[in-house]
Structures are given as C-alpha cells and as structure tokens.
Amino acid sequence: MALNDPTLVAQEYATEKGLEGRAAAYKPENVEGPDASAMALDAVAEAAPRRVLEVGCGWGAFAAAVVARTGAELVAVDISPRMVELARVRGIDARVGTVEDLPFADETFDVAVANWMLYHVPDVDRGVSELARVVRRGGRLVAVTNGLDHFRELAELVGVTRTWPFHAEDGAEILGRRFSHVERRDATGWVTFPTYEDARSYVESSRTLQPATGELPRFDGPLRVRRSPYVFVATR
C-alpha cells in the first residue's frame, strides 16, 4: 500500500477520527524510548527562529507548541480543510495548501517543519525542493519520519505491505539533494498494545493497516511492536 496515494491520504485526514485513534496508542505507560515530537521541538528551538513554517500541520498541536516555546511567527499548511480548521481553533495561522506548491517567497522562513508527512507527498523531491526554497540560507528543515521497520509486527499480523516514499533509511539522501548538511537523530523505541482490543482500535484508525481479511487476527496477551521515528535536521 502506497502511503502517498492522494485518495488514501485525503480519506485518512478528512476528519480527526484517525489521528485521535492513533494517538491513543501512545499513552506514556505503553511507550518506551525517546519522544520524537519533543526532540523535533528541541530541534526547532535550537535555531531561535523568528519565522517558522509547518507543512502537514494536522490539528495544530505541534505548531502551538512551537509558538509557546519560541514566540516565533508561525504559518501552517495542510491539504485537509478539517485539519486547517482545527489548527485555527488553536490560534494558528493555518492555510489549505500543498508542500509541492508553497505560496511563499524565497527564503521567507528561518525553520520549516515536516513531521510525519513527507511520505504522504506524491512528488517528495519537489516537496523538499519547495521547502529548501522558502528556508533562508543557514536556516533548517526539521522533518520526522519512520524507519521501514516501524510497527512491522502489526503490519505483518494484518498482512499488509506498505510502501514508504520517504523513510529513515533514504531520508538523508533525499534531503541532501537540496540541503548542505543533514543530521539524523534516533528516537526509536517500542509501543505495547496491552490487549487485542487496543491493537484493533489502532488498526481501525489507520487506513494503511486495514487487514485484507477485514479483521485483525486474534492474539492473546499484550503485543509489543517496534516504533522507529527519526528526526532529520537539514541545514540549508
């Protein structure tokens, strides 16, 4: 299943239901390892930015955290009108748009952010090119993505093979085409689904994990799965 299928992505983010369902899996007591979102926020704050762009902002939680932490002027872009609506409720200057065609002048921003979204972009090289264009010289892109083994145990259980157009293993090479220096920070760990019902709820919240049989195969006891987020910091 291609994670950058435009129809699938539009369906996935037409409402907040899927995001809420997936977020429920990340209760502190069920997660082992670093917090990738916190690491990404640190990477943004390190640059002491005055102007920040976030693409694929979702419901605006990370954008709001950036503003609270840095006081920066922030603009957010998302392809989903519903996500833009939710981000605006948080006070974010959010707009409907795509990373492949950003409506901003060259070198407008000190930092751009692309968290867990570049693998959804049909033409990822064009998207990265646009991000490099709107970031000033010496500025940075902070991008979070997953490794190929992310939630592999769960994907194998449901019988799904996913295609990752931008992943931790090739991210540095793709970003390096447009940015002068790329650093990868490891935020990998584990997530435990305490019960079958918890795992089923997660699967039902993700269109990319829908079982071919229509039902998650039953299992006994908790299910521990690898999570493999990485934070890329790319300097222009």
Protein backbone atom coordinates (compact mmCIF):
# COMPACT_ATOMS: atom_id res chain seq x y z
CA MET A 1 0.00 0.00 0.00
CA ALA A 2 1.45 3.35 -1.06
CA LEU A 3 1.40 5.89 1.75
CA ASN A 4 1.44 8.75 -0.78
CA ASP A 5 -1.73 7.71 -2.60
CA PRO A 6 -3.62 11.05 -2.82
CA THR A 7 -7.04 9.42 -2.44
CA LEU A 8 -5.99 7.44 0.61
CA VAL A 9 -4.34 10.48 2.23
CA ALA A 10 -7.42 12.64 1.62
CA GLN A 11 -9.62 9.99 3.24
CA GLU A 12 -7.22 9.50 6.15
CA TYR A 13 -7.25 13.16 7.14
CA ALA A 14 -10.77 14.20 6.15
CA THR A 15 -11.60 14.11 9.87
CA GLU A 16 -9.67 13.94 13.11
CA LYS A 17 -11.01 10.48 13.99
CA GLY A 18 -7.99 8.61 12.64
CA LEU A 19 -5.48 10.88 14.35
CA GLU A 20 -7.30 10.53 17.65
CA GLY A 21 -7.34 6.75 17.34
CA ARG A 22 -3.64 6.50 16.56
CA ALA A 23 -2.68 8.99 19.27
CA ALA A 24 -4.47 6.84 21.84
CA ALA A 25 -1.81 4.14 21.41
CA TYR A 26 0.90 6.46 22.71
CA LYS A 27 -0.07 6.60 26.36
CA PRO A 28 3.10 7.18 28.42
CA GLU A 29 2.73 3.85 30.22
CA ASN A 30 2.70 1.99 26.89
CA VAL A 31 5.69 3.71 25.23
CA GLU A 32 9.40 3.00 25.63
CA GLY A 33 12.11 5.29 24.28
CA PRO A 34 12.52 8.96 23.34
CA ASP A 35 9.68 11.31 22.45
CA ALA A 36 10.20 12.18 18.77
CA SER A 37 7.87 15.18 18.91
CA ALA A 38 9.78 16.64 21.86
CA MET A 39 13.06 16.05 20.00
CA ALA A 40 11.67 17.82 16.93
CA LEU A 41 10.54 20.74 19.08
CA ASP A 42 14.04 20.97 20.57
CA ALA A 43 15.50 21.00 17.04
CA VAL A 44 13.25 23.91 16.09
CA ALA A 45 14.03 25.85 19.26
CA GLU A 46 17.79 25.39 18.78
CA ALA A 47 17.61 27.70 15.77
CA ALA A 48 15.95 30.51 17.77
CA PRO A 49 13.63 31.17 14.80
CA ARG A 50 11.61 34.29 14.17
CA ARG A 51 9.53 32.81 11.35
CA VAL A 52 8.51 29.15 11.10
CA LEU A 53 6.57 27.18 8.50
CA GLU A 54 4.94 23.85 9.30
CA VAL A 55 3.66 21.70 6.45
CA GLY A 56 1.22 18.90 7.17
CA CYS A 57 0.30 20.54 10.46
CA GLY A 58 -2.61 18.25 11.32
CA TRP A 59 -4.70 19.64 14.15
CA GLY A 60 -2.02 22.16 15.08
CA ALA A 61 -0.70 20.72 18.35
CA PHE A 62 2.96 20.88 17.31
CA ALA A 63 2.55 24.35 15.79
CA ALA A 64 1.06 25.62 19.04
CA ALA A 65 3.96 24.10 20.98
CA VAL A 66 6.47 25.87 18.71
CA VAL A 67 4.80 29.23 19.25
CA ALA A 68 4.65 28.70 23.02
CA ARG A 69 8.30 27.61 23.19
CA THR A 70 9.89 30.12 20.79
CA GLY A 71 7.46 33.01 20.36
CA ALA A 72 8.04 32.73 16.62
CA GLU A 73 5.60 33.87 13.96
CA LEU A 74 4.29 30.62 12.51
CA VAL A 75 2.37 29.74 9.36
CA ALA A 76 0.95 26.25 8.88
CA VAL A 77 -0.18 24.45 5.73
CA ASP A 78 -2.22 21.27 5.35
CA ILE A 79 -4.10 19.64 2.47
CA SER A 80 -7.06 18.86 4.74
CA PRO A 81 -9.63 21.63 5.29
CA ARG A 82 -10.68 19.92 8.53
CA MET A 83 -7.11 19.90 9.89
CA VAL A 84 -6.75 23.58 8.98
CA GLU A 85 -9.99 24.31 10.79
CA LEU A 86 -8.79 22.54 13.94
CA ALA A 87 -5.40 24.28 13.82
CA ARG A 88 -7.10 27.66 13.56
CA VAL A 89 -9.07 26.88 16.72
CA ARG A 90 -5.68 26.77 18.48
CA GLY A 91 -4.91 30.26 17.17
CA ILE A 92 -2.60 29.06 14.39
CA ASP A 93 -2.37 30.89 11.06
CA ALA A 94 -3.26 27.76 9.09
CA ARG A 95 -4.00 27.54 5.38
CA VAL A 96 -5.08 24.85 2.93
CA GLY A 97 -2.24 24.02 0.54
CA THR A 98 0.39 21.51 -0.53
CA VAL A 99 4.12 21.31 0.11
CA GLU A 100 4.68 20.80 -3.61
CA ASP A 101 3.48 24.33 -4.37
CA LEU A 102 4.13 26.65 -1.44
CA PRO A 103 2.71 30.18 -1.82
CA PHE A 104 5.69 31.92 -0.19
CA ALA A 105 8.65 33.89 -1.47
CA ASP A 106 12.18 32.52 -1.45
CA GLU A 107 13.96 32.49 1.94
CA THR A 108 10.87 33.52 3.89
CA PHE A 109 11.39 31.27 6.92
CA ASP A 110 14.14 30.51 9.43
CA VAL A 111 12.83 26.99 10.04
CA ALA A 112 10.45 24.68 8.19
CA VAL A 113 8.86 21.66 9.84
CA ALA A 114 7.57 18.49 8.16
CA ASN A 115 6.60 15.94 10.79
CA TRP A 116 5.40 12.51 9.62
CA MET A 117 4.17 13.87 6.31
CA LEU A 118 6.81 13.68 3.57
CA TYR A 119 5.95 10.01 2.98
CA HIS A 120 2.45 11.22 2.04
CA VAL A 121 3.72 13.55 -0.72
CA PRO A 122 3.24 12.26 -4.31
CA ASP A 123 6.39 14.04 -5.55
CA VAL A 124 8.62 14.10 -2.48
CA ASP A 125 11.63 15.59 -4.30
CA ARG A 126 9.53 18.53 -5.45
CA GLY A 127 8.21 18.97 -1.92
CA VAL A 128 11.71 19.00 -0.44
CA SER A 129 12.81 21.43 -3.16
CA GLU A 130 10.00 23.80 -2.20
CA LEU A 131 10.93 23.58 1.48
CA ALA A 132 14.56 24.38 0.66
CA ARG A 133 13.43 27.32 -1.47
CA VAL A 134 11.41 29.00 1.29
CA VAL A 135 14.03 28.46 4.04
CA ARG A 136 16.70 31.14 4.33
CA ARG A 137 20.38 30.39 3.85
CA GLY A 138 21.65 28.97 7.11
CA GLY A 139 18.12 28.03 8.15
CA ARG A 140 16.92 24.48 8.70
CA LEU A 141 14.28 21.92 7.95
CA VAL A 142 13.15 19.68 10.80
CA ALA A 143 11.49 16.56 9.41
CA VAL A 144 10.30 13.49 11.29
CA THR A 145 9.73 10.19 9.52
CA ASN A 146 9.72 6.49 10.33
CA GLY A 147 12.06 3.65 9.52
CA LEU A 148 11.00 0.74 7.36
CA ASP A 149 10.54 -1.45 10.42
CA HIS A 150 8.04 0.90 12.08
CA PHE A 151 5.15 -1.17 13.50
CA ARG A 152 6.31 -4.06 11.32
CA GLU A 153 4.95 -6.66 13.74
CA LEU A 154 1.47 -5.18 13.46
CA ALA A 155 1.68 -4.81 9.67
CA GLU A 156 2.72 -8.46 9.35
CA LEU A 157 -0.13 -9.52 11.61
CA VAL A 158 -2.71 -7.83 9.39
CA GLY A 159 -0.96 -8.96 6.20
CA VAL A 160 -0.22 -5.50 4.80
CA THR A 161 2.91 -4.37 2.96
CA ARG A 162 3.38 -0.61 2.93
CA THR A 163 5.48 1.50 0.56
CA TRP A 164 7.40 4.33 2.22
CA PRO A 165 8.32 7.05 -0.33
CA PHE A 166 10.37 8.89 2.34
CA HIS A 167 11.77 6.87 5.23
CA ALA A 168 14.62 6.94 7.73
CA GLU A 169 16.87 4.81 5.55
CA ASP A 170 16.72 7.08 2.48
CA GLY A 171 15.78 10.40 4.10
CA ALA A 172 19.32 11.76 4.37
CA GLU A 173 19.99 11.09 0.69
CA ILE A 174 16.75 12.78 -0.41
CA LEU A 175 17.23 15.81 1.84
CA GLY A 176 20.90 16.03 0.88
CA ARG A 177 19.95 16.85 -2.70
CA ARG A 178 18.65 20.25 -1.52
CA PHE A 179 20.32 20.89 1.83
CA SER A 180 24.04 21.25 2.56
CA HIS A 181 24.12 19.25 5.80
CA VAL A 182 21.75 16.58 7.12
CA GLU A 183 21.76 15.12 10.64
CA ARG A 184 19.63 12.14 11.71
CA ARG A 185 18.57 11.82 15.36
CA ASP A 186 17.34 8.45 16.64
CA ALA A 187 14.03 8.39 18.54
CA THR A 188 13.30 4.67 18.23
CA GLY A 189 11.70 2.51 20.88
CA TRP A 190 8.68 0.31 21.50
CA VAL A 191 4.91 0.55 21.87
CA THR A 192 2.89 -2.05 23.72
CA PHE A 193 -0.76 -2.71 22.96
CA PRO A 194 -2.00 -4.14 26.29
CA THR A 195 -4.89 -6.07 24.73
CA TYR A 196 -6.20 -7.30 21.41
CA GLU A 197 -8.89 -4.61 21.57
CA ASP A 198 -6.25 -1.87 21.88
CA ALA A 199 -4.44 -3.13 18.79
CA ARG A 200 -7.69 -3.49 16.86
CA SER A 201 -8.64 0.11 17.70
CA TYR A 202 -5.31 1.28 16.31
CA VAL A 203 -5.71 -0.74 13.12
CA GLU A 204 -9.22 0.60 12.63
CA SER A 205 -7.90 4.16 12.93
CA SER A 206 -5.35 3.69 10.12
CA ARG A 207 -6.41 3.14 6.52
CA THR A 208 -2.90 1.91 5.71
CA LEU A 209 -3.29 -1.03 8.10
CA GLN A 210 -6.68 -2.35 7.03
CA PRO A 211 -6.45 -6.18 7.03
CA ALA A 212 -7.14 -7.90 3.72
CA THR A 213 -9.47 -10.23 5.65
CA GLY A 214 -11.32 -7.27 7.14
CA GLU A 215 -10.42 -8.29 10.70
CA LEU A 216 -7.26 -8.21 12.80
CA PRO A 217 -6.28 -11.82 13.61
CA ARG A 218 -6.81 -12.55 17.27
CA PHE A 219 -3.91 -12.93 19.69
CA ASP A 220 -3.54 -13.45 23.42
CA GLY A 221 -1.79 -11.11 25.82
CA PRO A 222 -0.04 -7.81 25.03
CA LEU A 223 1.54 -7.06 21.67
CA ARG A 224 4.89 -5.23 21.73
CA VAL A 225 5.85 -3.56 18.44
CA ARG A 226 8.87 -1.66 17.26
CA ARG A 227 8.43 2.05 16.63
CA SER A 228 11.15 3.74 14.60
CA PRO A 229 10.78 7.52 14.31
CA TYR A 230 13.82 9.59 13.37
CA VAL A 231 14.26 13.35 13.44
CA PHE A 232 16.14 14.86 10.50
CA VAL A 233 17.72 18.28 10.86
CA ALA A 234 18.71 19.58 7.43
CA THR A 235 20.62 22.86 7.14
CA ARG A 236 20.40 24.96 4.02
